[in-house]
Amino acid sequence: MAAPASKTIHNLNGKWQMNKSLSGDFGAVLSLQGIGFLVRKAISAGTITLHVSQIQAPPSEPSEDPIEGAAKTENVTHINIDQTMTGGIKGTTERRCVDNRRREHSDWLFGHVVGRTLFYKGPGAAVALAKDFPDAFLAEGWPEDGEDLLVSYVKNLDKAGGWEATQVWGFQTAKDGTRRYVRNVVVTKGEGSSQQRVTVQLIYDFLGELDDAKADDGDLTY
């Protein structure tokens, strides 16, 4: 189902299911992130649903000092996502505090990471994004006079990991002509001429509002 006009990057509340026919193949992304073959196969074969609750609340404690440009307001946006998967695969949890501060997070699938999340606002959001994040894939499909965007950057801290992932979230017109919630994702590992890079665009169907819109803030945000 297409995203209704009421859904924006500032109101993602609801249930969103990945549309496999519109999304790219994310197997290579999972592989570069160190996810084993059997788990990758099960995830690719299953159905992924996001249960999203978005609220305004005081920021959670950062794991590092604020970086330049970090928000200092009393209340900030929190995006809490419980991700469920079919096929017997345990889901994951995302707790994002959108204030451009670094925070650490750990889960069974992606390991120990540090990340930050921020908004790009205004008619020039896509242009500013392209200047700050030069990878052209991240800016792909966002109209220059379009809606606000969200950027999430994560770096894996595990000894055997070392990958970095940047996502841009927003709303685009998909190839079927409908308005959709979209994530442009770039994952890299290594540096220089030996750097590995994979990309994927994830596109979601809107399934409806949450049965219980109350946010669960029990996990560390990042």
N, C-alpha and C. Protein backbone atom coordinates (compact mmCIF):
# COMPACT_ATOMS: atom_id res chain seq x y z
N MET A 1 0.84 -1.19 0.00
CA MET A 1 0.00 0.00 0.00
C MET A 1 0.88 1.24 0.00
N ALA A 2 0.52 2.21 -0.81
CA ALA A 2 1.26 3.47 -0.87
C ALA A 2 1.18 4.21 0.46
N ALA A 3 2.16 5.06 0.71
CA ALA A 3 2.16 5.86 1.94
C ALA A 3 1.15 6.99 1.82
N PRO A 4 0.29 7.16 2.81
CA PRO A 4 -0.65 8.29 2.76
C PRO A 4 0.08 9.61 2.92
N ALA A 5 -0.55 10.69 2.51
CA ALA A 5 0.07 12.01 2.57
C ALA A 5 0.41 12.42 3.99
N SER A 6 -0.28 11.86 4.97
CA SER A 6 -0.03 12.21 6.37
C SER A 6 1.30 11.65 6.88
N LYS A 7 1.88 10.69 6.16
CA LYS A 7 3.14 10.09 6.59
C LYS A 7 4.31 10.85 5.96
N THR A 8 5.18 11.34 6.83
CA THR A 8 6.39 12.05 6.42
C THR A 8 7.54 11.53 7.27
N ILE A 9 8.74 12.05 7.05
CA ILE A 9 9.87 11.64 7.87
C ILE A 9 9.69 12.07 9.32
N HIS A 10 8.75 12.99 9.57
CA HIS A 10 8.45 13.42 10.94
C HIS A 10 7.24 12.68 11.52
N ASN A 11 6.67 11.79 10.76
CA ASN A 11 5.56 10.96 11.24
C ASN A 11 5.60 9.61 10.54
N LEU A 12 6.50 8.76 11.03
CA LEU A 12 6.63 7.40 10.50
C LEU A 12 5.82 6.39 11.30
N ASN A 13 5.04 6.88 12.26
CA ASN A 13 4.26 5.97 13.10
C ASN A 13 3.44 5.01 12.26
N GLY A 14 3.53 3.73 12.61
CA GLY A 14 2.74 2.75 11.90
C GLY A 14 3.52 1.48 11.60
N LYS A 15 2.92 0.64 10.77
CA LYS A 15 3.53 -0.63 10.37
C LYS A 15 3.91 -0.56 8.89
N TRP A 16 5.18 -0.90 8.61
CA TRP A 16 5.73 -0.83 7.26
C TRP A 16 6.35 -2.17 6.89
N GLN A 17 5.97 -2.69 5.75
CA GLN A 17 6.50 -3.98 5.30
C GLN A 17 7.35 -3.79 4.05
N MET A 18 8.55 -4.41 4.05
CA MET A 18 9.42 -4.27 2.89
C MET A 18 8.76 -4.90 1.66
N ASN A 19 8.73 -4.13 0.58
CA ASN A 19 8.18 -4.60 -0.68
C ASN A 19 9.32 -5.19 -1.51
N LYS A 20 9.36 -6.50 -1.62
CA LYS A 20 10.49 -7.16 -2.29
C LYS A 20 10.52 -6.90 -3.79
N SER A 21 9.36 -6.72 -4.39
CA SER A 21 9.34 -6.50 -5.84
C SER A 21 9.85 -5.12 -6.21
N LEU A 22 9.72 -4.15 -5.30
CA LEU A 22 10.19 -2.79 -5.57
C LEU A 22 11.58 -2.55 -5.01
N SER A 23 11.96 -3.27 -3.96
CA SER A 23 13.27 -3.08 -3.33
C SER A 23 14.36 -3.81 -4.11
N GLY A 24 15.60 -3.39 -3.87
CA GLY A 24 16.73 -4.10 -4.45
C GLY A 24 17.08 -5.33 -3.63
N ASP A 25 18.02 -6.11 -4.13
CA ASP A 25 18.49 -7.31 -3.44
C ASP A 25 19.50 -6.89 -2.38
N PHE A 26 19.17 -7.16 -1.11
CA PHE A 26 20.05 -6.72 -0.02
C PHE A 26 20.97 -7.82 0.49
N GLY A 27 21.05 -8.94 -0.24
CA GLY A 27 21.93 -10.02 0.17
C GLY A 27 23.39 -9.62 0.23
N ALA A 28 23.86 -8.83 -0.75
CA ALA A 28 25.25 -8.40 -0.78
C ALA A 28 25.57 -7.46 0.38
N VAL A 29 24.59 -6.65 0.78
CA VAL A 29 24.77 -5.76 1.93
C VAL A 29 24.97 -6.58 3.19
N LEU A 30 24.11 -7.57 3.40
CA LEU A 30 24.23 -8.42 4.59
C LEU A 30 25.55 -9.18 4.59
N SER A 31 25.99 -9.62 3.44
CA SER A 31 27.25 -10.35 3.34
C SER A 31 28.42 -9.48 3.75
N LEU A 32 28.46 -8.23 3.27
CA LEU A 32 29.55 -7.33 3.62
C LEU A 32 29.52 -6.99 5.11
N GLN A 33 28.34 -7.05 5.72
CA GLN A 33 28.21 -6.80 7.15
C GLN A 33 28.52 -8.03 7.99
N GLY A 34 28.96 -9.11 7.35
CA GLY A 34 29.39 -10.29 8.08
C GLY A 34 28.29 -11.24 8.48
N ILE A 35 27.10 -11.10 7.91
CA ILE A 35 25.99 -11.99 8.23
C ILE A 35 26.18 -13.32 7.49
N GLY A 36 26.08 -14.44 8.20
CA GLY A 36 26.31 -15.75 7.63
C GLY A 36 25.31 -16.13 6.54
N PHE A 37 25.71 -17.11 5.71
CA PHE A 37 24.90 -17.49 4.55
C PHE A 37 23.50 -17.94 4.94
N LEU A 38 23.38 -18.82 5.94
CA LEU A 38 22.08 -19.37 6.30
C LEU A 38 21.14 -18.28 6.81
N VAL A 39 21.68 -17.35 7.61
CA VAL A 39 20.86 -16.25 8.11
C VAL A 39 20.45 -15.34 6.96
N ARG A 40 21.40 -15.04 6.06
CA ARG A 40 21.08 -14.21 4.90
C ARG A 40 19.97 -14.83 4.07
N LYS A 41 20.08 -16.13 3.85
CA LYS A 41 19.08 -16.83 3.04
C LYS A 41 17.71 -16.77 3.70
N ALA A 42 17.67 -16.97 5.02
CA ALA A 42 16.39 -16.94 5.74
C ALA A 42 15.78 -15.54 5.72
N ILE A 43 16.62 -14.51 5.91
CA ILE A 43 16.12 -13.14 5.88
C ILE A 43 15.57 -12.80 4.49
N SER A 44 16.31 -13.19 3.46
CA SER A 44 15.88 -12.88 2.09
C SER A 44 14.58 -13.58 1.73
N ALA A 45 14.37 -14.77 2.30
CA ALA A 45 13.16 -15.54 1.99
C ALA A 45 11.96 -15.09 2.81
N GLY A 46 12.20 -14.42 3.93
CA GLY A 46 11.13 -14.05 4.84
C GLY A 46 10.51 -12.70 4.52
N THR A 47 9.60 -12.30 5.39
CA THR A 47 8.92 -11.01 5.29
C THR A 47 9.38 -10.13 6.44
N ILE A 48 9.80 -8.92 6.12
CA ILE A 48 10.31 -7.99 7.13
C ILE A 48 9.29 -6.88 7.35
N THR A 49 8.89 -6.69 8.60
CA THR A 49 7.91 -5.66 8.95
C THR A 49 8.48 -4.77 10.04
N LEU A 50 8.35 -3.46 9.85
CA LEU A 50 8.80 -2.48 10.83
C LEU A 50 7.60 -1.95 11.60
N HIS A 51 7.70 -1.97 12.93
CA HIS A 51 6.68 -1.38 13.79
C HIS A 51 7.30 -0.11 14.37
N VAL A 52 6.86 1.04 13.88
CA VAL A 52 7.55 2.31 14.14
C VAL A 52 6.72 3.19 15.07
N SER A 53 7.39 3.68 16.12
CA SER A 53 6.81 4.67 17.02
C SER A 53 7.74 5.87 17.06
N GLN A 54 7.22 7.05 16.78
CA GLN A 54 8.03 8.26 16.71
C GLN A 54 7.49 9.28 17.70
N ILE A 55 8.35 9.74 18.60
CA ILE A 55 7.92 10.63 19.67
C ILE A 55 8.92 11.77 19.86
N GLN A 56 8.50 12.79 20.62
CA GLN A 56 9.38 13.85 21.07
C GLN A 56 9.66 13.64 22.56
N ALA A 57 10.93 13.63 22.93
CA ALA A 57 11.32 13.39 24.33
C ALA A 57 12.73 13.91 24.54
N PRO A 58 13.16 14.09 25.81
CA PRO A 58 14.54 14.50 26.06
C PRO A 58 15.52 13.50 25.46
N PRO A 59 16.68 13.96 25.02
CA PRO A 59 17.65 13.03 24.42
C PRO A 59 18.19 12.04 25.42
N SER A 60 18.50 10.85 24.97
CA SER A 60 19.15 9.86 25.82
C SER A 60 20.63 10.21 25.92
N GLU A 61 21.30 9.64 26.90
CA GLU A 61 22.70 9.96 27.14
C GLU A 61 23.56 9.51 25.97
N PRO A 62 24.40 10.40 25.43
CA PRO A 62 25.32 9.98 24.37
C PRO A 62 26.49 9.19 24.94
N SER A 63 27.09 8.35 24.11
CA SER A 63 28.26 7.60 24.54
C SER A 63 29.54 8.39 24.31
N GLU A 64 29.43 9.51 23.58
CA GLU A 64 30.57 10.38 23.35
C GLU A 64 30.14 11.82 23.51
N ASP A 65 31.10 12.73 23.58
CA ASP A 65 30.78 14.14 23.66
C ASP A 65 30.04 14.58 22.40
N PRO A 66 29.20 15.62 22.50
CA PRO A 66 28.50 16.10 21.32
C PRO A 66 29.48 16.50 20.22
N ILE A 67 29.10 16.25 18.97
CA ILE A 67 29.93 16.65 17.85
C ILE A 67 29.40 17.96 17.28
N GLU A 68 30.19 18.60 16.46
CA GLU A 68 29.79 19.88 15.89
C GLU A 68 28.47 19.75 15.14
N GLY A 69 27.55 20.66 15.43
CA GLY A 69 26.25 20.62 14.77
C GLY A 69 25.22 19.78 15.49
N ALA A 70 25.59 19.16 16.61
CA ALA A 70 24.63 18.33 17.34
C ALA A 70 23.56 19.19 17.99
N ALA A 71 22.34 18.70 17.98
CA ALA A 71 21.24 19.44 18.57
C ALA A 71 21.39 19.55 20.08
N LYS A 72 20.96 20.69 20.64
CA LYS A 72 21.08 20.91 22.07
C LYS A 72 19.73 21.28 22.69
N THR A 73 18.65 20.98 22.02
CA THR A 73 17.34 21.31 22.52
C THR A 73 16.91 20.32 23.59
N GLU A 74 15.91 20.70 24.40
CA GLU A 74 15.44 19.83 25.47
C GLU A 74 14.80 18.56 24.92
N ASN A 75 13.92 18.71 23.96
CA ASN A 75 13.26 17.55 23.36
C ASN A 75 13.76 17.32 21.94
N VAL A 76 13.95 16.06 21.60
CA VAL A 76 14.36 15.69 20.25
C VAL A 76 13.48 14.54 19.77
N THR A 77 13.58 14.24 18.51
CA THR A 77 12.81 13.14 17.94
C THR A 77 13.45 11.80 18.28
N HIS A 78 12.64 10.88 18.76
CA HIS A 78 13.05 9.49 18.97
C HIS A 78 12.26 8.62 18.00
N ILE A 79 12.96 7.76 17.26
CA ILE A 79 12.30 6.82 16.36
C ILE A 79 12.61 5.41 16.85
N ASN A 80 11.60 4.75 17.36
CA ASN A 80 11.74 3.41 17.93
C ASN A 80 11.13 2.40 16.97
N ILE A 81 11.95 1.45 16.53
CA ILE A 81 11.50 0.48 15.52
C ILE A 81 11.74 -0.94 16.01
N ASP A 82 10.67 -1.70 16.09
CA ASP A 82 10.76 -3.14 16.33
C ASP A 82 10.58 -3.83 14.99
N GLN A 83 11.61 -4.52 14.55
CA GLN A 83 11.61 -5.17 13.25
C GLN A 83 11.36 -6.66 13.41
N THR A 84 10.29 -7.15 12.83
CA THR A 84 9.96 -8.57 12.92
C THR A 84 10.22 -9.24 11.57
N MET A 85 10.58 -10.52 11.63
CA MET A 85 10.88 -11.28 10.42
C MET A 85 10.20 -12.64 10.50
N THR A 86 9.68 -13.09 9.38
CA THR A 86 9.13 -14.44 9.31
C THR A 86 10.26 -15.42 9.02
N GLY A 87 9.94 -16.70 9.03
CA GLY A 87 10.94 -17.72 8.72
C GLY A 87 11.79 -18.13 9.90
N GLY A 88 11.32 -17.83 11.13
CA GLY A 88 12.04 -18.27 12.31
C GLY A 88 13.23 -17.41 12.68
N ILE A 89 13.38 -16.25 12.06
CA ILE A 89 14.50 -15.36 12.35
C ILE A 89 14.10 -14.35 13.41
N LYS A 90 14.93 -14.23 14.44
CA LYS A 90 14.68 -13.26 15.49
C LYS A 90 14.76 -11.85 14.94
N GLY A 91 13.88 -10.98 15.38
CA GLY A 91 13.87 -9.61 14.91
C GLY A 91 14.96 -8.77 15.56
N THR A 92 15.03 -7.51 15.16
CA THR A 92 15.98 -6.57 15.73
C THR A 92 15.23 -5.33 16.19
N THR A 93 15.93 -4.50 16.96
CA THR A 93 15.35 -3.28 17.50
C THR A 93 16.22 -2.09 17.14
N GLU A 94 15.59 -1.02 16.68
CA GLU A 94 16.29 0.23 16.42
C GLU A 94 15.72 1.29 17.36
N ARG A 95 16.60 1.97 18.07
CA ARG A 95 16.20 3.08 18.93
C ARG A 95 17.04 4.29 18.52
N ARG A 96 16.49 5.13 17.68
CA ARG A 96 17.26 6.25 17.14
C ARG A 96 16.84 7.56 17.79
N CYS A 97 17.84 8.32 18.22
CA CYS A 97 17.65 9.65 18.80
C CYS A 97 18.20 10.63 17.77
N VAL A 98 17.33 11.44 17.19
CA VAL A 98 17.71 12.24 16.02
C VAL A 98 18.26 13.59 16.47
N ASP A 99 19.51 13.58 16.96
CA ASP A 99 20.13 14.83 17.41
C ASP A 99 21.60 14.92 17.00
N ASN A 100 22.04 14.05 16.10
CA ASN A 100 23.40 14.10 15.55
C ASN A 100 24.47 13.84 16.61
N ARG A 101 24.15 13.05 17.63
CA ARG A 101 25.14 12.68 18.64
C ARG A 101 25.47 11.20 18.49
N ARG A 102 26.72 10.87 18.75
CA ARG A 102 27.17 9.48 18.64
C ARG A 102 26.71 8.66 19.85
N ARG A 103 26.16 7.49 19.57
CA ARG A 103 25.75 6.57 20.63
C ARG A 103 26.07 5.15 20.20
N GLU A 104 26.35 4.30 21.19
CA GLU A 104 26.65 2.90 20.89
C GLU A 104 25.40 2.04 21.04
N HIS A 105 25.43 0.92 20.34
CA HIS A 105 24.28 0.01 20.32
C HIS A 105 24.80 -1.38 19.98
N SER A 106 24.15 -2.42 20.50
CA SER A 106 24.54 -3.80 20.17
C SER A 106 23.29 -4.63 19.94
N ASP A 107 23.34 -5.52 18.95
CA ASP A 107 22.29 -6.52 18.79
C ASP A 107 22.89 -7.78 18.18
N TRP A 108 22.10 -8.84 18.16
CA TRP A 108 22.60 -10.16 17.75
C TRP A 108 22.97 -10.21 16.27
N LEU A 109 22.36 -9.35 15.46
CA LEU A 109 22.56 -9.43 14.01
C LEU A 109 23.74 -8.59 13.52
N PHE A 110 23.80 -7.34 13.97
CA PHE A 110 24.80 -6.41 13.44
C PHE A 110 25.96 -6.15 14.39
N GLY A 111 25.90 -6.72 15.60
CA GLY A 111 27.02 -6.60 16.52
C GLY A 111 27.08 -5.26 17.24
N HIS A 112 28.30 -4.86 17.60
CA HIS A 112 28.55 -3.64 18.37
C HIS A 112 28.83 -2.50 17.41
N VAL A 113 27.99 -1.47 17.45
CA VAL A 113 28.13 -0.36 16.52
C VAL A 113 28.06 0.96 17.27
N VAL A 114 28.56 2.02 16.63
CA VAL A 114 28.36 3.38 17.10
C VAL A 114 27.76 4.15 15.93
N GLY A 115 26.77 4.98 16.22
CA GLY A 115 26.10 5.68 15.13
C GLY A 115 25.52 7.00 15.56
N ARG A 116 25.04 7.74 14.58
CA ARG A 116 24.37 9.01 14.82
C ARG A 116 23.30 9.19 13.77
N THR A 117 22.28 9.97 14.10
CA THR A 117 21.14 10.17 13.22
C THR A 117 20.77 11.65 13.22
N LEU A 118 20.46 12.20 12.06
CA LEU A 118 20.13 13.62 11.97
C LEU A 118 19.16 13.87 10.83
N PHE A 119 18.45 15.01 10.92
CA PHE A 119 17.55 15.44 9.87
C PHE A 119 18.26 16.39 8.91
N TYR A 120 17.83 16.36 7.66
CA TYR A 120 18.13 17.41 6.68
C TYR A 120 16.79 18.04 6.31
N LYS A 121 16.63 19.33 6.61
CA LYS A 121 15.33 19.96 6.49
C LYS A 121 15.33 21.07 5.45
N GLY A 122 14.12 21.34 4.95
CA GLY A 122 13.94 22.46 4.04
C GLY A 122 14.01 22.09 2.58
N PRO A 123 13.66 23.03 1.70
CA PRO A 123 13.66 22.77 0.26
C PRO A 123 15.01 22.34 -0.29
N GLY A 124 16.10 22.76 0.38
CA GLY A 124 17.44 22.40 -0.08
C GLY A 124 18.01 21.17 0.58
N ALA A 125 17.17 20.35 1.21
CA ALA A 125 17.67 19.19 1.96
C ALA A 125 18.48 18.25 1.09
N ALA A 126 17.98 17.94 -0.10
CA ALA A 126 18.68 16.99 -0.97
C ALA A 126 20.01 17.55 -1.45
N VAL A 127 20.06 18.87 -1.71
CA VAL A 127 21.30 19.50 -2.15
C VAL A 127 22.34 19.48 -1.03
N ALA A 128 21.90 19.83 0.19
CA ALA A 128 22.82 19.82 1.34
C ALA A 128 23.32 18.41 1.62
N LEU A 129 22.44 17.44 1.49
CA LEU A 129 22.83 16.04 1.69
C LEU A 129 23.93 15.64 0.72
N ALA A 130 23.76 15.99 -0.54
CA ALA A 130 24.73 15.62 -1.57
C ALA A 130 26.10 16.24 -1.31
N LYS A 131 26.12 17.42 -0.70
CA LYS A 131 27.39 18.08 -0.39
C LYS A 131 28.09 17.38 0.78
N ASP A 132 27.31 16.99 1.78
CA ASP A 132 27.89 16.39 2.99
C ASP A 132 28.21 14.91 2.82
N PHE A 133 27.46 14.23 1.98
CA PHE A 133 27.67 12.79 1.74
C PHE A 133 27.83 12.60 0.23
N PRO A 134 29.06 12.62 -0.26
CA PRO A 134 29.29 12.67 -1.71
C PRO A 134 28.93 11.41 -2.48
N ASP A 135 28.64 10.30 -1.81
CA ASP A 135 28.25 9.10 -2.54
C ASP A 135 26.93 9.37 -3.27
N ALA A 136 26.95 9.33 -4.59
CA ALA A 136 25.80 9.72 -5.39
C ALA A 136 24.57 8.85 -5.13
N PHE A 137 24.78 7.59 -4.73
CA PHE A 137 23.64 6.71 -4.52
C PHE A 137 22.75 7.20 -3.39
N LEU A 138 23.34 7.79 -2.36
CA LEU A 138 22.55 8.26 -1.22
C LEU A 138 21.56 9.35 -1.63
N ALA A 139 21.94 10.17 -2.61
CA ALA A 139 21.09 11.28 -3.04
C ALA A 139 20.14 10.89 -4.16
N GLU A 140 20.20 9.66 -4.61
CA GLU A 140 19.42 9.23 -5.77
C GLU A 140 17.93 9.24 -5.48
N GLY A 141 17.18 9.93 -6.35
CA GLY A 141 15.73 9.90 -6.28
C GLY A 141 15.07 10.96 -5.43
N TRP A 142 15.85 11.70 -4.64
CA TRP A 142 15.24 12.74 -3.79
C TRP A 142 15.11 14.03 -4.60
N PRO A 143 13.91 14.56 -4.79
CA PRO A 143 13.77 15.81 -5.54
C PRO A 143 14.39 16.98 -4.78
N GLU A 144 15.00 17.90 -5.51
CA GLU A 144 15.70 19.01 -4.87
C GLU A 144 14.77 19.89 -4.05
N ASP A 145 13.50 19.96 -4.42
CA ASP A 145 12.54 20.76 -3.67
C ASP A 145 11.58 19.86 -2.89
N GLY A 146 12.06 18.68 -2.54
CA GLY A 146 11.21 17.69 -1.91
C GLY A 146 11.11 17.81 -0.40
N GLU A 147 10.66 16.71 0.23
CA GLU A 147 10.43 16.69 1.67
C GLU A 147 11.74 16.57 2.44
N ASP A 148 11.63 16.77 3.77
CA ASP A 148 12.79 16.60 4.64
C ASP A 148 13.29 15.16 4.57
N LEU A 149 14.58 14.98 4.90
CA LEU A 149 15.22 13.67 4.87
C LEU A 149 15.84 13.35 6.21
N LEU A 150 16.11 12.08 6.46
CA LEU A 150 16.82 11.63 7.65
C LEU A 150 18.05 10.85 7.21
N VAL A 151 19.18 11.10 7.88
CA VAL A 151 20.42 10.39 7.59
C VAL A 151 20.85 9.62 8.83
N SER A 152 21.19 8.35 8.64
CA SER A 152 21.70 7.51 9.72
C SER A 152 23.06 6.97 9.31
N TYR A 153 24.05 7.18 10.17
CA TYR A 153 25.40 6.66 9.91
C TYR A 153 25.78 5.72 11.05
N VAL A 154 26.30 4.54 10.71
CA VAL A 154 26.67 3.53 11.70
C VAL A 154 28.02 2.95 11.33
N LYS A 155 28.88 2.76 12.34
CA LYS A 155 30.18 2.11 12.15
C LYS A 155 30.26 0.91 13.07
N ASN A 156 30.61 -0.25 12.51
CA ASN A 156 30.75 -1.45 13.31
C ASN A 156 32.08 -1.44 14.06
N LEU A 157 32.05 -1.76 15.36
CA LEU A 157 33.24 -1.71 16.20
C LEU A 157 33.82 -3.08 16.50
N ASP A 158 33.19 -4.14 16.04
CA ASP A 158 33.70 -5.48 16.30
C ASP A 158 35.02 -5.71 15.56
N LYS A 159 35.89 -6.52 16.15
CA LYS A 159 37.21 -6.76 15.57
C LYS A 159 37.12 -7.34 14.17
N ALA A 160 36.17 -8.23 13.96
CA ALA A 160 36.02 -8.87 12.66
C ALA A 160 35.09 -8.10 11.74
N GLY A 161 34.57 -6.97 12.22
CA GLY A 161 33.60 -6.20 11.43
C GLY A 161 34.28 -5.14 10.58
N GLY A 162 34.20 -3.90 11.06
CA GLY A 162 34.88 -2.81 10.37
C GLY A 162 34.09 -2.17 9.24
N TRP A 163 32.84 -2.56 9.06
CA TRP A 163 32.04 -1.95 8.00
C TRP A 163 31.38 -0.67 8.48
N GLU A 164 31.01 0.17 7.54
CA GLU A 164 30.28 1.41 7.81
C GLU A 164 29.05 1.45 6.92
N ALA A 165 27.94 1.91 7.49
CA ALA A 165 26.68 1.97 6.73
C ALA A 165 26.07 3.36 6.86
N THR A 166 25.68 3.93 5.74
CA THR A 166 24.97 5.20 5.71
C THR A 166 23.63 4.99 5.02
N GLN A 167 22.57 5.46 5.66
CA GLN A 167 21.23 5.35 5.09
C GLN A 167 20.61 6.74 4.99
N VAL A 168 19.86 6.97 3.95
CA VAL A 168 19.03 8.17 3.83
C VAL A 168 17.58 7.72 3.71
N TRP A 169 16.74 8.24 4.61
CA TRP A 169 15.33 7.88 4.63
C TRP A 169 14.50 9.06 4.14
N GLY A 170 13.42 8.74 3.48
CA GLY A 170 12.48 9.77 3.04
C GLY A 170 11.38 9.15 2.21
N PHE A 171 10.72 9.97 1.43
CA PHE A 171 9.61 9.50 0.60
C PHE A 171 9.88 9.86 -0.86
N GLN A 172 9.66 8.87 -1.72
CA GLN A 172 9.86 9.03 -3.15
C GLN A 172 8.68 8.43 -3.90
N THR A 173 8.59 8.78 -5.17
CA THR A 173 7.66 8.10 -6.06
C THR A 173 8.36 6.88 -6.63
N ALA A 174 7.85 5.70 -6.30
CA ALA A 174 8.48 4.45 -6.74
C ALA A 174 8.19 4.20 -8.22
N LYS A 175 8.82 3.17 -8.76
CA LYS A 175 8.66 2.87 -10.18
C LYS A 175 7.24 2.45 -10.55
N ASP A 176 6.42 2.10 -9.54
CA ASP A 176 5.02 1.78 -9.83
C ASP A 176 4.13 3.02 -9.79
N GLY A 177 4.75 4.21 -9.58
CA GLY A 177 4.02 5.46 -9.59
C GLY A 177 3.40 5.86 -8.27
N THR A 178 3.66 5.11 -7.19
CA THR A 178 3.06 5.40 -5.90
C THR A 178 4.09 6.02 -4.95
N ARG A 179 3.59 6.78 -3.99
CA ARG A 179 4.44 7.41 -2.98
C ARG A 179 4.81 6.36 -1.93
N ARG A 180 6.12 6.22 -1.67
CA ARG A 180 6.59 5.16 -0.77
C ARG A 180 7.64 5.68 0.20
N TYR A 181 7.69 5.03 1.36
CA TYR A 181 8.79 5.22 2.31
C TYR A 181 9.99 4.47 1.75
N VAL A 182 11.13 5.17 1.64
CA VAL A 182 12.31 4.63 0.95
C VAL A 182 13.54 4.83 1.81
N ARG A 183 14.45 3.85 1.76
CA ARG A 183 15.78 3.98 2.36
C ARG A 183 16.84 3.71 1.29
N ASN A 184 17.70 4.68 1.03
CA ASN A 184 18.89 4.46 0.20
C ASN A 184 20.04 4.08 1.12
N VAL A 185 20.66 2.94 0.89
CA VAL A 185 21.66 2.39 1.81
C VAL A 185 22.98 2.15 1.07
N VAL A 186 24.07 2.63 1.68
CA VAL A 186 25.42 2.36 1.18
C VAL A 186 26.22 1.75 2.32
N VAL A 187 26.84 0.60 2.09
CA VAL A 187 27.71 -0.05 3.07
C VAL A 187 29.10 -0.19 2.47
N THR A 188 30.12 0.21 3.24
CA THR A 188 31.50 0.10 2.79
C THR A 188 32.33 -0.63 3.84
N LYS A 189 33.44 -1.20 3.38
CA LYS A 189 34.39 -1.85 4.28
C LYS A 189 35.78 -1.69 3.69
N GLY A 190 36.71 -1.25 4.54
CA GLY A 190 38.07 -1.01 4.07
C GLY A 190 38.24 0.40 3.56
N GLU A 191 39.44 0.70 3.08
CA GLU A 191 39.76 2.04 2.61
C GLU A 191 40.55 1.97 1.31
N GLY A 192 40.58 3.11 0.63
CA GLY A 192 41.40 3.23 -0.57
C GLY A 192 40.99 2.27 -1.67
N SER A 193 41.99 1.78 -2.39
CA SER A 193 41.73 0.91 -3.55
C SER A 193 41.16 -0.45 -3.16
N SER A 194 41.31 -0.83 -1.90
CA SER A 194 40.80 -2.13 -1.45
C SER A 194 39.41 -2.03 -0.83
N GLN A 195 38.83 -0.83 -0.82
CA GLN A 195 37.51 -0.66 -0.21
C GLN A 195 36.44 -1.43 -0.98
N GLN A 196 35.58 -2.10 -0.24
CA GLN A 196 34.41 -2.76 -0.81
C GLN A 196 33.19 -1.88 -0.58
N ARG A 197 32.30 -1.81 -1.56
CA ARG A 197 31.12 -0.95 -1.47
C ARG A 197 29.93 -1.64 -2.10
N VAL A 198 28.80 -1.67 -1.38
CA VAL A 198 27.56 -2.22 -1.92
C VAL A 198 26.43 -1.25 -1.61
N THR A 199 25.41 -1.26 -2.44
CA THR A 199 24.28 -0.35 -2.27
C THR A 199 22.97 -1.12 -2.42
N VAL A 200 21.92 -0.58 -1.82
CA VAL A 200 20.59 -1.14 -2.01
C VAL A 200 19.56 -0.07 -1.68
N GLN A 201 18.47 -0.08 -2.41
CA GLN A 201 17.33 0.77 -2.08
C GLN A 201 16.21 -0.11 -1.54
N LEU A 202 15.74 0.23 -0.34
CA LEU A 202 14.68 -0.52 0.32
C LEU A 202 13.39 0.31 0.26
N ILE A 203 12.31 -0.31 -0.17
CA ILE A 203 11.03 0.37 -0.36
C ILE A 203 9.96 -0.38 0.42
N TYR A 204 9.10 0.39 1.11
CA TYR A 204 8.17 -0.21 2.06
C TYR A 204 6.71 0.08 1.70
N ASP A 205 5.86 -0.90 2.01
CA ASP A 205 4.41 -0.73 1.96
C ASP A 205 3.92 -0.24 3.32
N PHE A 206 2.95 0.65 3.32
CA PHE A 206 2.31 1.06 4.57
C PHE A 206 1.16 0.11 4.87
N LEU A 207 1.23 -0.55 6.03
CA LEU A 207 0.20 -1.53 6.40
C LEU A 207 -0.89 -0.94 7.28
N GLY A 208 -0.61 0.20 7.93
CA GLY A 208 -1.59 0.79 8.83
C GLY A 208 -0.94 1.26 10.11
N GLU A 209 -1.76 1.82 10.98
CA GLU A 209 -1.26 2.35 12.24
C GLU A 209 -0.95 1.21 13.21
N LEU A 210 -0.13 1.52 14.22
CA LEU A 210 0.19 0.54 15.25
C LEU A 210 -1.04 0.23 16.09
N ASP A 211 -1.11 -1.00 16.56
CA ASP A 211 -2.18 -1.36 17.49
C ASP A 211 -1.99 -0.65 18.81
N ASP A 212 -0.72 -0.47 19.21
CA ASP A 212 -0.40 0.24 20.44
C ASP A 212 0.70 1.23 20.10
N ALA A 213 0.37 2.51 20.05
CA ALA A 213 1.32 3.54 19.61
C ALA A 213 2.29 3.96 20.70
N LYS A 214 2.16 3.38 21.87
CA LYS A 214 3.06 3.76 22.96
C LYS A 214 4.48 3.31 22.65
N ALA A 215 5.45 4.22 22.78
CA ALA A 215 6.85 3.90 22.47
C ALA A 215 7.48 3.09 23.58
N ASP A 216 8.35 2.18 23.19
CA ASP A 216 9.17 1.42 24.13
C ASP A 216 10.57 1.98 24.08
N ASP A 217 11.00 2.62 25.17
CA ASP A 217 12.31 3.26 25.16
C ASP A 217 13.30 2.51 26.02
N GLY A 218 13.17 1.20 26.08
CA GLY A 218 14.02 0.41 26.96
C GLY A 218 15.42 0.17 26.47
N ASP A 219 15.71 0.39 25.18
CA ASP A 219 17.03 0.13 24.64
C ASP A 219 17.77 1.43 24.39
N LEU A 220 19.08 1.31 24.29
CA LEU A 220 19.92 2.46 24.02
C LEU A 220 19.65 3.00 22.63
N THR A 221 19.56 4.31 22.51
CA THR A 221 19.35 4.91 21.20
C THR A 221 20.67 5.27 20.57
N TYR A 222 20.62 5.46 19.27
CA TYR A 222 21.82 5.86 18.55
C TYR A 222 21.43 6.63 17.29
